[in-house]
Amino acid sequence: MFVGTNLTNIRILHGYTRKQLADMLEITEQSVWQYENGYMSPKLEVVNELKKIFRVKSKYFYSEDFLNKNGKSNIQQGHIAYRAQIINSAQKT
């Protein structure tokens, strides 16, 4: 099963917006959003393009993040500015 959070993480890590990634993949920005949020899984052709863009194996998009799975992280969360996912969900509704 495609893990959308992995796509979100690697997209942000490379500094791409959803629109920029969508243009590279020749798909809609809404499709990228759906992949990232788990509403839809990309076709094999799209996954192959993602592999080329981010220089990873396709396995990366189908396996849960190792650090998240074990509850460990090398990143100090106090140094990250982010908006909580629950706040985003509340604003959408």
N, C-alpha and C. Protein backbone atom coordinates (compact mmCIF):
# COMPACT_ATOMS: atom_id res chain seq x y z
N MET A 1 0.84 -1.18 0.00
CA MET A 1 0.00 0.00 0.00
C MET A 1 0.89 1.25 0.00
N PHE A 2 0.54 2.22 -0.82
CA PHE A 2 1.30 3.46 -0.95
C PHE A 2 1.18 4.28 0.33
N VAL A 3 2.33 4.75 0.85
CA VAL A 3 2.35 5.55 2.08
C VAL A 3 2.53 7.02 1.68
N GLY A 4 1.43 7.76 1.75
CA GLY A 4 1.43 9.15 1.31
C GLY A 4 2.32 10.07 2.11
N THR A 5 2.48 9.78 3.41
CA THR A 5 3.32 10.66 4.23
C THR A 5 4.78 10.61 3.77
N ASN A 6 5.20 9.48 3.21
CA ASN A 6 6.56 9.40 2.67
C ASN A 6 6.72 10.34 1.48
N LEU A 7 5.69 10.42 0.65
CA LEU A 7 5.73 11.34 -0.49
C LEU A 7 5.76 12.78 0.01
N THR A 8 4.94 13.09 0.99
CA THR A 8 4.92 14.45 1.55
C THR A 8 6.29 14.81 2.10
N ASN A 9 6.87 13.92 2.89
CA ASN A 9 8.17 14.19 3.52
C ASN A 9 9.27 14.42 2.49
N ILE A 10 9.35 13.57 1.49
CA ILE A 10 10.43 13.70 0.51
C ILE A 10 10.20 14.91 -0.40
N ARG A 11 8.94 15.23 -0.67
CA ARG A 11 8.64 16.41 -1.48
C ARG A 11 9.08 17.68 -0.75
N ILE A 12 8.76 17.78 0.53
CA ILE A 12 9.14 18.94 1.33
C ILE A 12 10.65 18.99 1.49
N LEU A 13 11.27 17.84 1.71
CA LEU A 13 12.72 17.77 1.86
C LEU A 13 13.44 18.32 0.63
N HIS A 14 12.89 18.07 -0.54
CA HIS A 14 13.49 18.56 -1.78
C HIS A 14 13.04 19.98 -2.12
N GLY A 15 12.12 20.54 -1.33
CA GLY A 15 11.70 21.92 -1.53
C GLY A 15 10.69 22.14 -2.65
N TYR A 16 9.95 21.10 -3.01
CA TYR A 16 8.94 21.22 -4.06
C TYR A 16 7.57 21.49 -3.47
N THR A 17 6.79 22.30 -4.15
CA THR A 17 5.39 22.47 -3.79
C THR A 17 4.61 21.35 -4.48
N ARG A 18 3.37 21.17 -4.08
CA ARG A 18 2.55 20.17 -4.76
C ARG A 18 2.39 20.53 -6.23
N LYS A 19 2.23 21.80 -6.51
CA LYS A 19 2.05 22.26 -7.89
C LYS A 19 3.29 21.95 -8.72
N GLN A 20 4.48 22.22 -8.18
CA GLN A 20 5.71 21.94 -8.91
C GLN A 20 5.85 20.45 -9.21
N LEU A 21 5.56 19.62 -8.20
CA LEU A 21 5.66 18.17 -8.39
C LEU A 21 4.63 17.70 -9.41
N ALA A 22 3.43 18.24 -9.33
CA ALA A 22 2.38 17.87 -10.28
C ALA A 22 2.79 18.21 -11.70
N ASP A 23 3.40 19.37 -11.89
CA ASP A 23 3.86 19.76 -13.23
C ASP A 23 4.95 18.82 -13.74
N MET A 24 5.85 18.40 -12.85
CA MET A 24 6.90 17.46 -13.26
C MET A 24 6.32 16.11 -13.66
N LEU A 25 5.27 15.69 -12.95
CA LEU A 25 4.65 14.40 -13.22
C LEU A 25 3.58 14.46 -14.30
N GLU A 26 3.26 15.68 -14.73
CA GLU A 26 2.20 15.92 -15.72
C GLU A 26 0.86 15.37 -15.25
N ILE A 27 0.54 15.65 -13.98
CA ILE A 27 -0.75 15.31 -13.39
C ILE A 27 -1.27 16.56 -12.68
N THR A 28 -2.44 16.47 -12.08
CA THR A 28 -3.01 17.63 -11.40
C THR A 28 -2.46 17.74 -9.98
N GLU A 29 -2.49 18.95 -9.46
CA GLU A 29 -2.08 19.19 -8.08
C GLU A 29 -2.99 18.42 -7.12
N GLN A 30 -4.25 18.30 -7.47
CA GLN A 30 -5.21 17.56 -6.66
C GLN A 30 -4.82 16.09 -6.55
N SER A 31 -4.29 15.52 -7.61
CA SER A 31 -3.85 14.12 -7.58
C SER A 31 -2.71 13.95 -6.58
N VAL A 32 -1.75 14.88 -6.59
CA VAL A 32 -0.64 14.80 -5.63
C VAL A 32 -1.19 14.88 -4.22
N TRP A 33 -2.14 15.78 -3.99
CA TRP A 33 -2.75 15.92 -2.67
C TRP A 33 -3.42 14.60 -2.26
N GLN A 34 -4.14 13.97 -3.19
CA GLN A 34 -4.81 12.71 -2.90
C GLN A 34 -3.82 11.60 -2.58
N TYR A 35 -2.70 11.56 -3.27
CA TYR A 35 -1.66 10.56 -2.97
C TYR A 35 -1.12 10.78 -1.57
N GLU A 36 -0.82 12.02 -1.24
CA GLU A 36 -0.22 12.34 0.05
C GLU A 36 -1.16 12.06 1.22
N ASN A 37 -2.44 12.23 1.01
CA ASN A 37 -3.41 12.06 2.09
C ASN A 37 -4.09 10.70 2.09
N GLY A 38 -3.65 9.81 1.21
CA GLY A 38 -4.13 8.43 1.23
C GLY A 38 -5.49 8.20 0.62
N TYR A 39 -5.99 9.15 -0.15
CA TYR A 39 -7.29 8.97 -0.80
C TYR A 39 -7.18 8.17 -2.08
N MET A 40 -5.98 8.14 -2.63
CA MET A 40 -5.77 7.46 -3.90
C MET A 40 -4.32 7.00 -3.97
N SER A 41 -4.07 5.89 -4.64
CA SER A 41 -2.70 5.43 -4.87
C SER A 41 -2.31 5.73 -6.31
N PRO A 42 -1.07 6.15 -6.52
CA PRO A 42 -0.65 6.47 -7.89
C PRO A 42 -0.48 5.23 -8.75
N LYS A 43 -0.61 5.44 -10.03
CA LYS A 43 -0.35 4.36 -10.99
C LYS A 43 1.14 4.05 -11.00
N LEU A 44 1.48 2.90 -11.52
CA LEU A 44 2.87 2.46 -11.58
C LEU A 44 3.75 3.44 -12.35
N GLU A 45 3.21 4.03 -13.41
CA GLU A 45 3.97 4.99 -14.21
C GLU A 45 4.35 6.21 -13.38
N VAL A 46 3.41 6.66 -12.52
CA VAL A 46 3.66 7.82 -11.66
C VAL A 46 4.71 7.48 -10.61
N VAL A 47 4.62 6.29 -10.04
CA VAL A 47 5.60 5.86 -9.05
C VAL A 47 6.99 5.80 -9.68
N ASN A 48 7.08 5.31 -10.91
CA ASN A 48 8.36 5.26 -11.61
C ASN A 48 8.94 6.66 -11.83
N GLU A 49 8.08 7.62 -12.13
CA GLU A 49 8.55 9.00 -12.29
C GLU A 49 9.00 9.58 -10.94
N LEU A 50 8.28 9.25 -9.87
CA LEU A 50 8.67 9.71 -8.53
C LEU A 50 10.05 9.16 -8.16
N LYS A 51 10.29 7.90 -8.50
CA LYS A 51 11.60 7.29 -8.25
C LYS A 51 12.70 8.08 -8.93
N LYS A 52 12.47 8.47 -10.17
CA LYS A 52 13.48 9.21 -10.92
C LYS A 52 13.71 10.61 -10.34
N ILE A 53 12.61 11.27 -9.99
CA ILE A 53 12.70 12.65 -9.48
C ILE A 53 13.46 12.69 -8.15
N PHE A 54 13.11 11.77 -7.24
CA PHE A 54 13.68 11.81 -5.89
C PHE A 54 14.87 10.86 -5.71
N ARG A 55 15.20 10.08 -6.74
CA ARG A 55 16.32 9.14 -6.70
C ARG A 55 16.22 8.16 -5.52
N VAL A 56 15.07 7.52 -5.43
CA VAL A 56 14.85 6.50 -4.41
C VAL A 56 14.31 5.25 -5.10
N LYS A 57 14.29 4.15 -4.38
CA LYS A 57 13.67 2.93 -4.88
C LYS A 57 12.17 3.03 -4.63
N SER A 58 11.40 2.33 -5.44
CA SER A 58 9.94 2.39 -5.28
C SER A 58 9.51 1.87 -3.91
N LYS A 59 10.33 1.02 -3.31
CA LYS A 59 10.05 0.48 -1.98
C LYS A 59 9.86 1.60 -0.95
N TYR A 60 10.55 2.73 -1.16
CA TYR A 60 10.44 3.85 -0.24
C TYR A 60 8.99 4.31 -0.07
N PHE A 61 8.23 4.31 -1.15
CA PHE A 61 6.86 4.80 -1.11
C PHE A 61 5.86 3.78 -0.57
N TYR A 62 6.30 2.54 -0.42
CA TYR A 62 5.39 1.49 0.03
C TYR A 62 5.71 0.94 1.41
N SER A 63 6.71 1.49 2.08
CA SER A 63 7.05 1.01 3.41
C SER A 63 6.94 2.15 4.41
N GLU A 64 6.49 1.80 5.60
CA GLU A 64 6.35 2.79 6.65
C GLU A 64 7.73 3.29 7.07
N ASP A 65 7.80 4.56 7.40
CA ASP A 65 9.06 5.16 7.83
C ASP A 65 9.60 4.41 9.04
N PHE A 66 10.83 3.93 8.96
CA PHE A 66 11.43 3.11 10.01
C PHE A 66 11.46 3.83 11.34
N LEU A 67 11.87 5.10 11.34
CA LEU A 67 11.96 5.84 12.60
C LEU A 67 10.59 6.06 13.22
N ASN A 68 9.60 6.38 12.41
CA ASN A 68 8.24 6.55 12.93
C ASN A 68 7.69 5.24 13.49
N LYS A 69 7.97 4.15 12.80
CA LYS A 69 7.45 2.84 13.20
C LYS A 69 7.97 2.44 14.58
N ASN A 70 9.20 2.79 14.88
CA ASN A 70 9.79 2.42 16.16
C ASN A 70 9.70 3.51 17.20
N GLY A 71 9.02 4.60 16.87
CA GLY A 71 8.84 5.69 17.82
C GLY A 71 10.11 6.46 18.13
N LYS A 72 11.09 6.36 17.25
CA LYS A 72 12.35 7.06 17.44
C LYS A 72 12.49 8.13 16.38
N SER A 73 13.26 9.16 16.70
CA SER A 73 13.50 10.20 15.72
C SER A 73 14.83 10.87 15.99
N ASN A 74 15.55 11.20 14.94
CA ASN A 74 16.80 11.93 15.07
C ASN A 74 16.59 13.43 15.03
N ILE A 75 15.35 13.84 14.82
CA ILE A 75 15.03 15.25 14.68
C ILE A 75 14.46 15.78 15.99
N GLN A 76 15.01 16.90 16.46
CA GLN A 76 14.48 17.53 17.66
C GLN A 76 13.28 18.37 17.26
N GLN A 77 12.11 18.00 17.75
CA GLN A 77 10.89 18.65 17.31
C GLN A 77 10.81 20.11 17.76
N GLY A 78 11.55 20.49 18.76
CA GLY A 78 11.56 21.87 19.21
C GLY A 78 12.15 22.82 18.18
N HIS A 79 12.87 22.28 17.20
CA HIS A 79 13.52 23.08 16.18
C HIS A 79 12.71 23.15 14.89
N ILE A 80 11.51 22.60 14.91
CA ILE A 80 10.70 22.55 13.70
C ILE A 80 9.47 23.44 13.88
N ALA A 81 9.21 24.28 12.91
CA ALA A 81 8.00 25.09 12.90
C ALA A 81 6.99 24.38 12.01
N TYR A 82 5.87 23.99 12.56
CA TYR A 82 4.86 23.30 11.78
C TYR A 82 3.49 23.59 12.37
N ARG A 83 2.49 23.31 11.58
CA ARG A 83 1.11 23.46 12.03
C ARG A 83 0.58 22.06 12.30
N ALA A 84 0.00 21.87 13.47
CA ALA A 84 -0.52 20.56 13.85
C ALA A 84 -1.56 20.09 12.85
N GLN A 85 -1.56 18.81 12.57
CA GLN A 85 -2.48 18.25 11.59
C GLN A 85 -3.93 18.42 12.04
N ILE A 86 -4.18 18.36 13.34
CA ILE A 86 -5.54 18.50 13.83
C ILE A 86 -6.08 19.91 13.57
N ILE A 87 -5.21 20.92 13.65
CA ILE A 87 -5.62 22.30 13.37
C ILE A 87 -5.99 22.42 11.90
N ASN A 88 -5.20 21.84 11.03
CA ASN A 88 -5.51 21.88 9.60
C ASN A 88 -6.85 21.23 9.32
N SER A 89 -7.12 20.10 9.95
CA SER A 89 -8.38 19.39 9.74
C SER A 89 -9.55 20.23 10.25
N ALA A 90 -9.39 20.88 11.39
CA ALA A 90 -10.46 21.70 11.94
C ALA A 90 -10.75 22.88 11.03
N GLN A 91 -9.72 23.47 10.44
CA GLN A 91 -9.92 24.61 9.55
C GLN A 91 -10.62 24.18 8.26
N LYS A 92 -10.34 23.01 7.77
CA LYS A 92 -10.96 22.53 6.55
C LYS A 92 -12.45 22.32 6.73
N THR A 93 -12.84 21.85 7.92
CA THR A 93 -14.25 21.60 8.16
C THR A 93 -14.95 22.89 8.48
